[in-house]
Structures are given as C-alpha cells and as structure tokens.
C-alpha cells in the first residue's frame, strides 16, 4: 500500500488514511500547486530563451579581430561552409527542441487545467518525451565549453562563450524544472468520461 506525506508537518501516513495522525491536517496525495509551479518555471525559461537567441553564443578572436555568432547566425555560417549535417544538428537542438518543449509543456498545462477528453496515454507519452529530451538540450552549451577549452592560443585564436550560452543553459534548466513540476497524474485526474480515442 502507498504512503502519503503530510504537507504541514512531514508525517508519513498510509494512503488510505484521511487525516494526519500527528497534526490532524487533511492528507492529499497530489501537489495542488503543480500547475502554478510549472507555469512559473516555463515563463522563466521563455524569458531566458529570448536573449539566448538575440545575444552572441560564441565570441571568436583571430589576430586581434573579434567575431560574434548567435545561434541562428552560427547555423547559417555552418551552411555557408557546407557543413549541412552539423548545421542541422545545431538548429534542431537549439531551436526545434526548445520551442517544441515550450509548446508541449504549455499544451499539457492548458489541457489539464480543466476537464478533458483527450487520450491520457498519448498525453503521458508526450510528457515523457519532454522529460527525456530535457537532458539532451544542452548540446550547444557543451559545444561552446569544449571549443572554449580546446581553442586557446592567446593572440592567434581564442574562443569565449557569449552571454547567450548562460541564457541558453538557464532556459534549458528552467524548462526541465517546469516539466518536473508538472504533476502528470493530473492527466488522469482531469479526464472526463471516456477519451476521444477510446
């Protein structure tokens, strides 16, 4: 049999118990504020994602000449050098995946804010994809860190991370927290009657 933790005093009680034996508070097995937390982290991630695309991700210095590259600018430059595969990976990891995560989390939060008739298995599958992809969204930050560590030749060539690298990392962390804050059990809690795909 499952257990539930009292939110007032931390006492662990059996799932079938209605009130906490220590403080008498009503026991609830769901996080009643999960949507608010998910929206707060989602908004913080979105705010961090905007400067991540506007400001330079990399600052390259060669022979006293400094060049700055944004995420999209870097993708375009890679395409000019005919590195289409790498450009595709960077574009997918830096633009498609983050935007897809924002849309998926917002969709789940809006849908489960009220009763719905969507297929809960598909919604859970979408949620699990968002959670799984979250850890792989840092590819840009890893590339910047590796390049910064490898290319340091003082006057000849140096590569330094731009402010966008920090913003992008924060955006990824915030969207991961948004996904973790979302209580996926709401998908079934808010299910009204048979789903449309039953």
Protein backbone atom coordinates (compact mmCIF):
# COMPACT_ATOMS: atom_id res chain seq x y z
CA UNK A 1 0.00 0.00 0.00
CA UNK A 2 1.25 3.51 -0.84
CA UNK A 3 2.12 6.27 1.56
CA UNK A 4 1.48 9.99 1.60
CA UNK A 5 3.47 12.74 3.33
CA UNK A 6 1.63 15.43 5.30
CA UNK A 7 2.38 18.84 3.78
CA UNK A 8 2.08 20.56 7.16
CA UNK A 9 4.30 18.50 9.46
CA UNK A 10 6.01 15.92 7.23
CA UNK A 11 4.46 12.88 8.95
CA UNK A 12 4.27 9.79 6.70
CA UNK A 13 0.88 8.09 6.76
CA UNK A 14 -0.78 5.21 4.86
CA UNK A 15 -2.56 6.22 1.63
CA UNK A 16 -5.99 5.13 2.94
CA UNK A 17 -5.77 7.47 5.96
CA UNK A 18 -7.80 10.70 5.59
CA UNK A 19 -6.05 12.87 8.21
CA UNK A 20 -2.54 13.16 9.60
CA UNK A 21 -2.11 11.31 12.93
CA UNK A 22 0.30 13.99 14.21
CA UNK A 23 -1.32 17.34 13.29
CA UNK A 24 -4.81 16.38 12.09
CA UNK A 25 -4.44 18.07 8.67
CA UNK A 26 -6.29 16.55 5.72
CA UNK A 27 -3.92 14.35 3.65
CA UNK A 28 -3.69 14.96 -0.11
CA UNK A 29 -1.73 12.72 -2.49
CA UNK A 30 -1.47 15.36 -5.22
CA UNK A 31 0.57 18.54 -5.49
CA UNK A 32 -2.23 21.09 -5.70
CA UNK A 33 0.17 23.80 -6.90
CA UNK A 34 1.89 21.81 -9.65
CA UNK A 35 0.38 23.87 -12.48
CA UNK A 36 1.43 27.17 -10.91
CA UNK A 37 4.98 25.86 -10.43
CA UNK A 38 5.12 24.50 -13.98
CA UNK A 39 3.91 27.83 -15.43
CA UNK A 40 6.38 29.81 -13.31
CA UNK A 41 9.37 27.73 -14.49
CA UNK A 42 8.02 27.74 -18.06
CA UNK A 43 7.83 31.54 -18.08
CA UNK A 44 11.32 31.85 -16.59
CA UNK A 45 12.62 29.50 -19.31
CA UNK A 46 10.92 31.51 -22.04
CA UNK A 47 12.35 34.78 -20.69
CA UNK A 48 15.87 33.26 -20.66
CA UNK A 49 15.42 31.79 -24.16
CA UNK A 50 14.84 35.20 -25.79
CA UNK A 51 18.30 36.68 -25.01
CA UNK A 52 19.81 33.25 -25.76
CA UNK A 53 18.81 33.85 -29.40
CA UNK A 54 19.47 37.59 -29.56
CA UNK A 55 22.93 37.76 -27.98
CA UNK A 56 26.14 36.03 -29.17
CA UNK A 57 26.70 32.41 -28.23
CA UNK A 58 30.37 32.45 -29.25
CA UNK A 59 32.98 35.21 -29.39
CA UNK A 60 35.89 34.21 -31.65
CA UNK A 61 39.10 36.25 -31.75
CA UNK A 62 41.67 35.69 -34.53
CA UNK A 63 44.63 38.02 -34.97
CA UNK A 64 43.04 40.82 -32.94
CA UNK A 65 39.81 40.52 -34.96
CA UNK A 66 36.74 39.55 -32.90
CA UNK A 67 33.67 37.92 -34.40
CA UNK A 68 30.44 37.16 -32.55
CA UNK A 69 27.93 34.47 -33.53
CA UNK A 70 24.35 33.97 -32.41
CA UNK A 71 22.73 30.53 -32.55
CA UNK A 72 20.96 31.13 -35.87
CA UNK A 73 23.98 33.06 -37.20
CA UNK A 74 26.18 30.08 -36.38
CA UNK A 75 23.80 27.74 -38.22
CA UNK A 76 23.86 30.00 -41.30
CA UNK A 77 27.65 30.18 -41.18
CA UNK A 78 27.92 26.39 -40.97
CA UNK A 79 25.66 26.11 -44.01
CA UNK A 80 27.89 28.57 -45.93
CA UNK A 81 30.80 26.23 -45.16
CA UNK A 82 28.70 23.30 -46.49
CA UNK A 83 28.54 21.65 -43.06
CA UNK A 84 24.84 20.88 -43.51
CA UNK A 85 24.78 17.93 -41.11
CA UNK A 86 26.29 19.89 -38.21
CA UNK A 87 24.11 22.90 -39.03
CA UNK A 88 21.04 20.66 -38.94
CA UNK A 89 22.02 19.16 -35.58
CA UNK A 90 22.68 22.60 -34.04
CA UNK A 91 19.41 24.02 -35.44
CA UNK A 92 17.42 21.01 -34.23
CA UNK A 93 18.99 21.03 -30.74
CA UNK A 94 18.95 24.81 -30.29
CA UNK A 95 15.71 25.88 -31.95
CA UNK A 96 13.37 22.98 -32.76
CA UNK A 97 13.72 21.08 -29.46
CA UNK A 98 13.46 24.11 -27.10
CA UNK A 99 10.47 25.56 -28.98
CA UNK A 100 8.85 22.11 -29.07
CA UNK A 101 9.37 21.74 -25.31
CA UNK A 102 7.79 25.13 -24.64
CA UNK A 103 4.78 24.23 -26.80
CA UNK A 104 4.39 20.74 -25.28
CA UNK A 105 4.57 21.91 -21.65
CA UNK A 106 2.14 24.77 -22.33
CA UNK A 107 -0.24 22.37 -24.14
CA UNK A 108 -0.22 19.90 -21.23
CA UNK A 109 -0.66 22.66 -18.63
CA UNK A 110 -3.56 24.31 -20.51
CA UNK A 111 -5.27 20.98 -21.24
CA UNK A 112 -5.07 19.64 -17.67
CA UNK A 113 -6.20 22.91 -16.09
CA UNK A 114 -9.76 21.72 -16.71
CA UNK A 115 -11.61 18.51 -17.56
CA UNK A 116 -10.66 16.99 -20.94
CA UNK A 117 -11.45 14.00 -23.15
CA UNK A 118 -8.02 13.51 -24.73
CA UNK A 119 -6.32 10.12 -24.78
CA UNK A 120 -4.36 10.04 -21.47
CA UNK A 121 -1.80 7.57 -22.85
CA UNK A 122 -0.84 9.94 -25.66
CA UNK A 123 -0.61 12.86 -23.25
CA UNK A 124 1.62 10.85 -20.91
CA UNK A 125 3.75 9.80 -23.89
CA UNK A 126 4.16 13.49 -24.81
CA UNK A 127 5.11 14.33 -21.22
CA UNK A 128 7.69 11.53 -21.08
CA UNK A 129 9.25 12.71 -24.36
CA UNK A 130 9.59 16.26 -22.95
CA UNK A 131 11.23 14.89 -19.79
CA UNK A 132 13.59 12.62 -21.75
CA UNK A 133 14.65 15.28 -24.27
CA UNK A 134 15.30 17.81 -21.50
CA UNK A 135 18.68 16.34 -20.58
CA UNK A 136 19.86 16.38 -24.22
CA UNK A 137 19.04 20.04 -24.82
CA UNK A 138 22.39 21.29 -23.51
CA UNK A 139 24.28 20.32 -26.67
CA UNK A 140 25.01 23.96 -27.58
CA UNK A 141 26.43 24.69 -24.14
CA UNK A 142 28.62 21.57 -24.28
CA UNK A 143 29.94 22.51 -27.73
CA UNK A 144 30.77 26.03 -26.52
CA UNK A 145 32.51 24.65 -23.41
CA UNK A 146 34.58 22.18 -25.47
CA UNK A 147 35.55 24.81 -28.06
CA UNK A 148 36.48 27.27 -25.31
CA UNK A 149 38.71 24.67 -23.64
CA UNK A 150 40.36 23.48 -26.87
CA UNK A 151 40.91 26.72 -28.80
CA UNK A 152 43.02 28.98 -26.61
CA UNK A 153 46.10 30.18 -28.49
CA UNK A 154 46.42 33.64 -26.89
CA UNK A 155 46.91 36.15 -29.74
CA UNK A 156 46.42 33.70 -32.62
CA UNK A 157 42.93 32.44 -31.79
CA UNK A 158 40.65 32.30 -28.79
CA UNK A 159 37.03 31.27 -28.41
CA UNK A 160 34.98 32.54 -25.48
CA UNK A 161 31.36 31.87 -24.57
CA UNK A 162 28.93 34.74 -25.01
CA UNK A 163 26.11 35.78 -22.69
CA UNK A 164 23.73 33.67 -24.81
CA UNK A 165 25.43 30.47 -23.59
CA UNK A 166 24.48 31.30 -19.99
CA UNK A 167 20.94 32.30 -21.00
CA UNK A 168 20.51 29.12 -23.05
CA UNK A 169 21.71 26.94 -20.16
CA UNK A 170 19.30 28.69 -17.80
CA UNK A 171 16.45 28.25 -20.28
CA UNK A 172 17.12 24.51 -20.52
CA UNK A 173 17.30 24.17 -16.72
CA UNK A 174 14.07 26.14 -16.23
CA UNK A 175 12.15 24.07 -18.80
CA UNK A 176 13.42 20.87 -17.16
CA UNK A 177 12.14 22.18 -13.82
CA UNK A 178 8.82 23.08 -15.47
CA UNK A 179 8.44 19.51 -16.75
CA UNK A 180 9.37 18.06 -13.36
CA UNK A 181 6.99 20.40 -11.52
CA UNK A 182 4.07 19.29 -13.68
CA UNK A 183 2.17 16.52 -11.89
CA UNK A 184 1.49 14.03 -14.69
CA UNK A 185 -1.28 12.41 -12.61
CA UNK A 186 -3.42 15.44 -13.50
CA UNK A 187 -3.77 13.89 -16.96
CA UNK A 188 -5.96 11.17 -15.41
CA UNK A 189 -7.43 13.37 -12.66
CA UNK A 190 -8.91 15.75 -15.22
CA UNK A 191 -10.12 13.05 -17.62
CA UNK A 192 -13.86 13.48 -18.13
CA UNK A 193 -15.58 10.26 -19.18
CA UNK A 194 -14.13 8.10 -21.97
CA UNK A 195 -11.34 9.66 -24.03
CA UNK A 196 -11.97 10.63 -27.64
CA UNK A 197 -9.74 7.77 -28.82
CA UNK A 198 -11.45 5.01 -26.79
